[in-house]
PDB file of N, CA and C in Angstrom:
ATOM      1  N   MET A   1      25.653  70.056 132.255  1.00  0.00           N
ATOM      2  CA  MET A   1      26.532  69.333 131.367  1.00  0.00           C
ATOM      3  C   MET A   1      25.695  68.706 130.251  1.00  0.00           C
ATOM      4  N   HIS A   2      26.233  68.708 129.056  1.00  0.00           N
ATOM      5  CA  HIS A   2      25.527  68.175 127.875  1.00  0.00           C
ATOM      6  C   HIS A   2      25.508  66.656 127.938  1.00  0.00           C
ATOM      7  N   GLN A   3      24.301  66.087 127.857  1.00  0.00           N
ATOM      8  CA  GLN A   3      24.162  64.636 127.880  1.00  0.00           C
ATOM      9  C   GLN A   3      24.108  64.120 126.449  1.00  0.00           C
ATOM     10  N   LYS A   4      24.958  63.166 126.120  1.00  0.00           N
ATOM     11  CA  LYS A   4      24.996  62.622 124.772  1.00  0.00           C
ATOM     12  C   LYS A   4      23.798  61.707 124.554  1.00  0.00           C
ATOM     13  N   ARG A   5      23.093  61.934 123.437  1.00  0.00           N
ATOM     14  CA  ARG A   5      21.926  61.135 123.125  1.00  0.00           C
ATOM     15  C   ARG A   5      22.318  59.811 122.508  1.00  0.00           C
ATOM     16  N   LYS A   6      21.453  58.826 122.698  1.00  0.00           N
ATOM     17  CA  LYS A   6      21.670  57.516 122.101  1.00  0.00           C
ATOM     18  C   LYS A   6      21.110  57.452 120.699  1.00  0.00           C
ATOM     19  N   TYR A   7      20.306  58.443 120.325  1.00  0.00           N
ATOM     20  CA  TYR A   7      19.686  58.426 119.016  1.00  0.00           C
ATOM     21  C   TYR A   7      19.887  59.777 118.334  1.00  0.00           C
ATOM     22  N   SER A   8      19.730  59.805 117.017  1.00  0.00           N
ATOM     23  CA  SER A   8      19.892  61.036 116.257  1.00  0.00           C
ATOM     24  C   SER A   8      18.571  61.722 115.995  1.00  0.00           C
ATOM     25  N   VAL A   9      17.584  60.965 115.559  1.00  0.00           N
ATOM     26  CA  VAL A   9      16.314  61.539 115.148  1.00  0.00           C
ATOM     27  C   VAL A   9      15.179  60.697 115.704  1.00  0.00           C
ATOM     28  N   ARG A  10      14.087  61.378 116.057  1.00  0.00           N
ATOM     29  CA  ARG A  10      12.887  60.687 116.511  1.00  0.00           C
ATOM     30  C   ARG A  10      11.722  61.142 115.646  1.00  0.00           C
ATOM     31  N   ILE A  11      10.999  60.200 115.071  1.00  0.00           N
ATOM     32  CA  ILE A  11       9.772  60.482 114.334  1.00  0.00           C
ATOM     33  C   ILE A  11       8.671  59.679 115.012  1.00  0.00           C
ATOM     34  N   ASP A  12       7.691  60.383 115.549  1.00  0.00           N
ATOM     35  CA  ASP A  12       6.641  59.758 116.345  1.00  0.00           C
ATOM     36  C   ASP A  12       7.299  58.912 117.428  1.00  0.00           C
ATOM     37  N   ASN A  13       7.101  57.601 117.395  1.00  0.00           N
ATOM     38  CA  ASN A  13       7.739  56.763 118.413  1.00  0.00           C
ATOM     39  C   ASN A  13       8.867  55.918 117.832  1.00  0.00           C
ATOM     40  N   VAL A  14       9.411  56.343 116.685  1.00  0.00           N
ATOM     41  CA  VAL A  14      10.524  55.626 116.050  1.00  0.00           C
ATOM     42  C   VAL A  14      11.796  56.439 116.273  1.00  0.00           C
ATOM     43  N   PHE A  15      12.794  55.796 116.830  1.00  0.00           N
ATOM     44  CA  PHE A  15      14.068  56.444 117.101  1.00  0.00           C
ATOM     45  C   PHE A  15      15.110  55.926 116.122  1.00  0.00           C
ATOM     46  N   PHE A  16      15.830  56.833 115.466  1.00  0.00           N
ATOM     47  CA  PHE A  16      16.886  56.459 114.537  1.00  0.00           C
ATOM     48  C   PHE A  16      18.237  56.608 115.233  1.00  0.00           C
ATOM     49  N   LEU A  17      18.959  55.520 115.342  1.00  0.00           N
ATOM     50  CA  LEU A  17      20.307  55.583 115.885  1.00  0.00           C
ATOM     51  C   LEU A  17      21.209  56.246 114.861  1.00  0.00           C
ATOM     52  N   LYS A  18      22.354  56.720 115.298  1.00  0.00           N
ATOM     53  CA  LYS A  18      23.254  57.415 114.382  1.00  0.00           C
ATOM     54  C   LYS A  18      23.594  56.568 113.164  1.00  0.00           C
ATOM     55  N   GLN A  19      23.875  55.292 113.348  1.00  0.00           N
ATOM     56  CA  GLN A  19      24.212  54.436 112.225  1.00  0.00           C
ATOM     57  C   GLN A  19      23.016  54.272 111.293  1.00  0.00           C
ATOM     58  N   LEU A  20      21.825  54.223 111.852  1.00  0.00           N
ATOM     59  CA  LEU A  20      20.628  54.105 111.030  1.00  0.00           C
ATOM     60  C   LEU A  20      20.373  55.394 110.263  1.00  0.00           C
ATOM     61  N   GLY A  21      20.760  56.513 110.828  1.00  0.00           N
ATOM     62  CA  GLY A  21      20.627  57.777 110.116  1.00  0.00           C
ATOM     63  C   GLY A  21      21.474  57.774 108.853  1.00  0.00           C
ATOM     64  N   ALA A  22      22.680  57.252 108.944  1.00  0.00           N
ATOM     65  CA  ALA A  22      23.537  57.147 107.760  1.00  0.00           C
ATOM     66  C   ALA A  22      22.914  56.196 106.748  1.00  0.00           C
ATOM     67  N   SER A  23      22.326  55.122 107.222  1.00  0.00           N
ATOM     68  CA  SER A  23      21.661  54.180 106.325  1.00  0.00           C
ATOM     69  C   SER A  23      20.454  54.821 105.653  1.00  0.00           C
ATOM     70  N   LEU A  24      19.722  55.648 106.394  1.00  0.00           N
ATOM     71  CA  LEU A  24      18.576  56.347 105.817  1.00  0.00           C
ATOM     72  C   LEU A  24      19.040  57.264 104.692  1.00  0.00           C
ATOM     73  N   ARG A  25      20.133  57.954 104.903  1.00  0.00           N
ATOM     74  CA  ARG A  25      20.678  58.824 103.852  1.00  0.00           C
ATOM     75  C   ARG A  25      21.064  58.012 102.626  1.00  0.00           C
ATOM     76  N   ASP A  26      21.758  56.908 102.855  1.00  0.00           N
ATOM     77  CA  ASP A  26      22.181  56.059 101.742  1.00  0.00           C
ATOM     78  C   ASP A  26      20.983  55.515 100.974  1.00  0.00           C
ATOM     79  N   ALA A  27      19.960  55.122 101.697  1.00  0.00           N
ATOM     80  CA  ALA A  27      18.785  54.520 101.064  1.00  0.00           C
ATOM     81  C   ALA A  27      17.973  55.530 100.262  1.00  0.00           C
ATOM     82  N   THR A  28      18.084  56.806 100.596  1.00  0.00           N
ATOM     83  CA  THR A  28      17.259  57.806  99.929  1.00  0.00           C
ATOM     84  C   THR A  28      18.029  58.654  98.924  1.00  0.00           C
ATOM     85  N   THR A  29      19.288  58.363  98.677  1.00  0.00           N
ATOM     86  CA  THR A  29      20.078  59.198  97.768  1.00  0.00           C
ATOM     87  C   THR A  29      19.548  59.160  96.341  1.00  0.00           C
ATOM     88  N   ALA A  30      19.032  58.039  95.898  1.00  0.00           N
ATOM     89  CA  ALA A  30      18.553  57.919  94.516  1.00  0.00           C
ATOM     90  C   ALA A  30      17.104  58.368  94.350  1.00  0.00           C
ATOM     91  N   VAL A  31      16.440  58.694  95.439  1.00  0.00           N
ATOM     92  CA  VAL A  31      15.027  59.088  95.378  1.00  0.00           C
ATOM     93  C   VAL A  31      14.944  60.610  95.370  1.00  0.00           C
ATOM     94  N   PRO A  32      14.242  61.196  94.404  1.00  0.00           N
ATOM     95  CA  PRO A  32      14.066  62.656  94.414  1.00  0.00           C
ATOM     96  C   PRO A  32      13.364  63.102  95.691  1.00  0.00           C
ATOM     97  N   LYS A  33      13.807  64.212  96.240  1.00  0.00           N
ATOM     98  CA  LYS A  33      13.245  64.686  97.512  1.00  0.00           C
ATOM     99  C   LYS A  33      11.739  64.878  97.448  1.00  0.00           C
ATOM    100  N   GLU A  34      11.219  65.240  96.276  1.00  0.00           N
ATOM    101  CA  GLU A  34       9.785  65.451  96.135  1.00  0.00           C
ATOM    102  C   GLU A  34       9.000  64.158  96.337  1.00  0.00           C
ATOM    103  N   GLU A  35       9.636  63.022  96.095  1.00  0.00           N
ATOM    104  CA  GLU A  35       8.953  61.737  96.231  1.00  0.00           C
ATOM    105  C   GLU A  35       9.041  61.149  97.639  1.00  0.00           C
ATOM    106  N   LEU A  36       9.872  61.732  98.484  1.00  0.00           N
ATOM    107  CA  LEU A  36       9.992  61.254  99.857  1.00  0.00           C
ATOM    108  C   LEU A  36       8.805  61.746 100.675  1.00  0.00           C
ATOM    109  N   THR A  37       8.435  60.968 101.677  1.00  0.00           N
ATOM    110  CA  THR A  37       7.361  61.416 102.563  1.00  0.00           C
ATOM    111  C   THR A  37       7.863  62.572 103.419  1.00  0.00           C
ATOM    112  N   GLU A  38       6.941  63.332 103.951  1.00  0.00           N
ATOM    113  CA  GLU A  38       7.319  64.478 104.779  1.00  0.00           C
ATOM    114  C   GLU A  38       8.108  64.028 106.010  1.00  0.00           C
ATOM    115  N   ASP A  39       7.757  62.886 106.583  1.00  0.00           N
ATOM    116  CA  ASP A  39       8.491  62.381 107.750  1.00  0.00           C
ATOM    117  C   ASP A  39       9.949  62.090 107.411  1.00  0.00           C
ATOM    118  N   ILE A  40      10.186  61.509 106.260  1.00  0.00           N
ATOM    119  CA  ILE A  40      11.563  61.188 105.862  1.00  0.00           C
ATOM    120  C   ILE A  40      12.335  62.471 105.565  1.00  0.00           C
ATOM    121  N   ARG A  41      11.709  63.414 104.889  1.00  0.00           N
ATOM    122  CA  ARG A  41      12.384  64.697 104.618  1.00  0.00           C
ATOM    123  C   ARG A  41      12.720  65.405 105.925  1.00  0.00           C
ATOM    124  N   LEU A  42      11.794  65.360 106.884  1.00  0.00           N
ATOM    125  CA  LEU A  42      12.043  65.963 108.187  1.00  0.00           C
ATOM    126  C   LEU A  42      13.208  65.264 108.890  1.00  0.00           C
ATOM    127  N   ALA A  43      13.228  63.958 108.841  1.00  0.00           N
ATOM    128  CA  ALA A  43      14.314  63.204 109.479  1.00  0.00           C
ATOM    129  C   ALA A  43      15.658  63.558 108.848  1.00  0.00           C
ATOM    130  N   LEU A  44      15.708  63.671 107.536  1.00  0.00           N
ATOM    131  CA  LEU A  44      16.959  64.022 106.861  1.00  0.00           C
ATOM    132  C   LEU A  44      17.408  65.437 107.227  1.00  0.00           C
ATOM    133  N   ARG A  45      16.465  66.359 107.329  1.00  0.00           N
ATOM    134  CA  ARG A  45      16.826  67.729 107.744  1.00  0.00           C
ATOM    135  C   ARG A  45      17.357  67.738 109.172  1.00  0.00           C
ATOM    136  N   ARG A  46      16.726  66.977 110.043  1.00  0.00           N
ATOM    137  CA  ARG A  46      17.192  66.912 111.440  1.00  0.00           C
ATOM    138  C   ARG A  46      18.584  66.301 111.515  1.00  0.00           C
ATOM    139  N   LEU A  47      18.815  65.264 110.734  1.00  0.00           N
ATOM    140  CA  LEU A  47      20.152  64.658 110.710  1.00  0.00           C
ATOM    141  C   LEU A  47      21.190  65.668 110.231  1.00  0.00           C
ATOM    142  N   ASP A  48      20.852  66.434 109.199  1.00  0.00           N
ATOM    143  CA  ASP A  48      21.779  67.455 108.701  1.00  0.00           C
ATOM    144  C   ASP A  48      22.082  68.493 109.765  1.00  0.00           C
ATOM    145  N   ARG A  49      21.044  68.941 110.476  1.00  0.00           N
ATOM    146  CA  ARG A  49      21.262  69.931 111.537  1.00  0.00           C
ATOM    147  C   ARG A  49      22.112  69.366 112.661  1.00  0.00           C
ATOM    148  N   LEU A  50      21.832  68.135 113.067  1.00  0.00           N
ATOM    149  CA  LEU A  50      22.619  67.518 114.139  1.00  0.00           C
ATOM    150  C   LEU A  50      24.071  67.335 113.729  1.00  0.00           C
ATOM    151  N   ASP A  51      24.301  66.925 112.489  1.00  0.00           N
ATOM    152  CA  ASP A  51      25.674  66.778 112.004  1.00  0.00           C
ATOM    153  C   ASP A  51      26.404  68.113 111.984  1.00  0.00           C
ATOM    154  N   ALA A  52      25.712  69.152 111.527  1.00  0.00           N
ATOM    155  CA  ALA A  52      26.320  70.483 111.487  1.00  0.00           C
ATOM    156  C   ALA A  52      26.642  70.973 112.890  1.00  0.00           C
ATOM    157  N   ARG A  53      25.715  70.747 113.820  1.00  0.00           N
ATOM    158  CA  ARG A  53      25.939  71.168 115.201  1.00  0.00           C
ATOM    159  C   ARG A  53      27.110  70.408 115.824  1.00  0.00           C
ATOM    160  N   GLU A  54      27.158  69.106 115.580  1.00  0.00           N
ATOM    161  CA  GLU A  54      28.248  68.297 116.122  1.00  0.00           C
ATOM    162  C   GLU A  54      29.581  68.707 115.519  1.00  0.00           C
ATOM    163  N   LYS A  55      29.592  68.971 114.232  1.00  0.00           N
ATOM    164  CA  LYS A  55      30.826  69.391 113.563  1.00  0.00           C
ATOM    165  C   LYS A  55      31.299  70.732 114.103  1.00  0.00           C
ATOM    166  N   ALA A  56      30.358  71.650 114.343  1.00  0.00           N
ATOM    167  CA  ALA A  56      30.710  72.968 114.861  1.00  0.00           C
ATOM    168  C   ALA A  56      31.279  72.881 116.267  1.00  0.00           C
ATOM    169  N   THR A  57      30.725  72.010 117.098  1.00  0.00           N
ATOM    170  CA  THR A  57      31.218  71.913 118.477  1.00  0.00           C
ATOM    171  C   THR A  57      32.535  71.164 118.557  1.00  0.00           C
ATOM    172  N   THR A  58      32.779  70.223 117.663  1.00  0.00           N
ATOM    173  CA  THR A  58      34.041  69.487 117.715  1.00  0.00           C
ATOM    174  C   THR A  58      35.175  70.232 117.030  1.00  0.00           C
ATOM    175  N   SER A  59      34.840  71.156 116.130  1.00  0.00           N
ATOM    176  CA  SER A  59      35.897  71.872 115.417  1.00  0.00           C
ATOM    177  C   SER A  59      36.292  73.170 116.097  1.00  0.00           C
ATOM    178  N   GLU A  60      35.594  73.514 117.168  1.00  0.00           N
ATOM    179  CA  GLU A  60      35.942  74.747 117.880  1.00  0.00           C
ATOM    180  C   GLU A  60      37.275  74.562 118.583  1.00  0.00           C
ATOM    181  N   GLU A  61      38.178  75.482 118.297  1.00  0.00           N
ATOM    182  CA  GLU A  61      39.470  75.464 118.967  1.00  0.00           C
ATOM    183  C   GLU A  61      39.474  76.556 120.013  1.00  0.00           C
ATOM    184  N   PRO A  62      40.153  76.322 121.108  1.00  0.00           N
ATOM    185  CA  PRO A  62      40.192  77.364 122.134  1.00  0.00           C
ATOM    186  C   PRO A  62      40.912  78.603 121.605  1.00  0.00           C
ATOM    187  N   HIS A  63      40.388  79.768 121.958  1.00  0.00           N
ATOM    188  CA  HIS A  63      40.989  81.030 121.522  1.00  0.00           C
ATOM    189  C   HIS A  63      42.240  81.284 122.355  1.00  0.00           C
ATOM    190  N   ILE A  64      43.350  81.530 121.658  1.00  0.00           N
ATOM    191  CA  ILE A  64      44.609  81.819 122.342  1.00  0.00           C
ATOM    192  C   ILE A  64      44.966  83.265 122.042  1.00  0.00           C
ATOM    193  N   ASP A  65      45.112  84.058 123.073  1.00  0.00           N
ATOM    194  CA  ASP A  65      45.448  85.462 122.918  1.00  0.00           C
ATOM    195  C   ASP A  65      46.959  85.582 122.729  1.00  0.00           C
ATOM    196  N   PRO A  66      47.416  86.020 121.534  1.00  0.00           N
ATOM    197  CA  PRO A  66      48.861  86.099 121.292  1.00  0.00           C
ATOM    198  C   PRO A  66      49.553  87.168 122.109  1.00  0.00           C
ATOM    199  N   THR A  67      48.808  88.101 122.684  1.00  0.00           N
ATOM    200  CA  THR A  67      49.434  89.179 123.480  1.00  0.00           C
ATOM    201  C   THR A  67      49.621  88.768 124.934  1.00  0.00           C
ATOM    202  N   ALA A  68      49.054  87.651 125.325  1.00  0.00           N
ATOM    203  CA  ALA A  68      49.134  87.241 126.728  1.00  0.00           C
ATOM    204  C   ALA A  68      50.438  86.566 127.033  1.00  0.00           C
TER     205      ALA A  68
END
């Protein structure tokens, strides 16, 4: 069974909670990606992947066979 994590992203020994991940995005929107540190860019990519994965799993509808 899938265990829900308490955090979204981990960088070294720093754990970002889901709400902090949104804050990280908000705080970095005005900064060009080239100026962000590699750790922050990695964290943002991980957050994007986790959001996409979560969206994909929650939007899956059960397949209903119309011929059944």
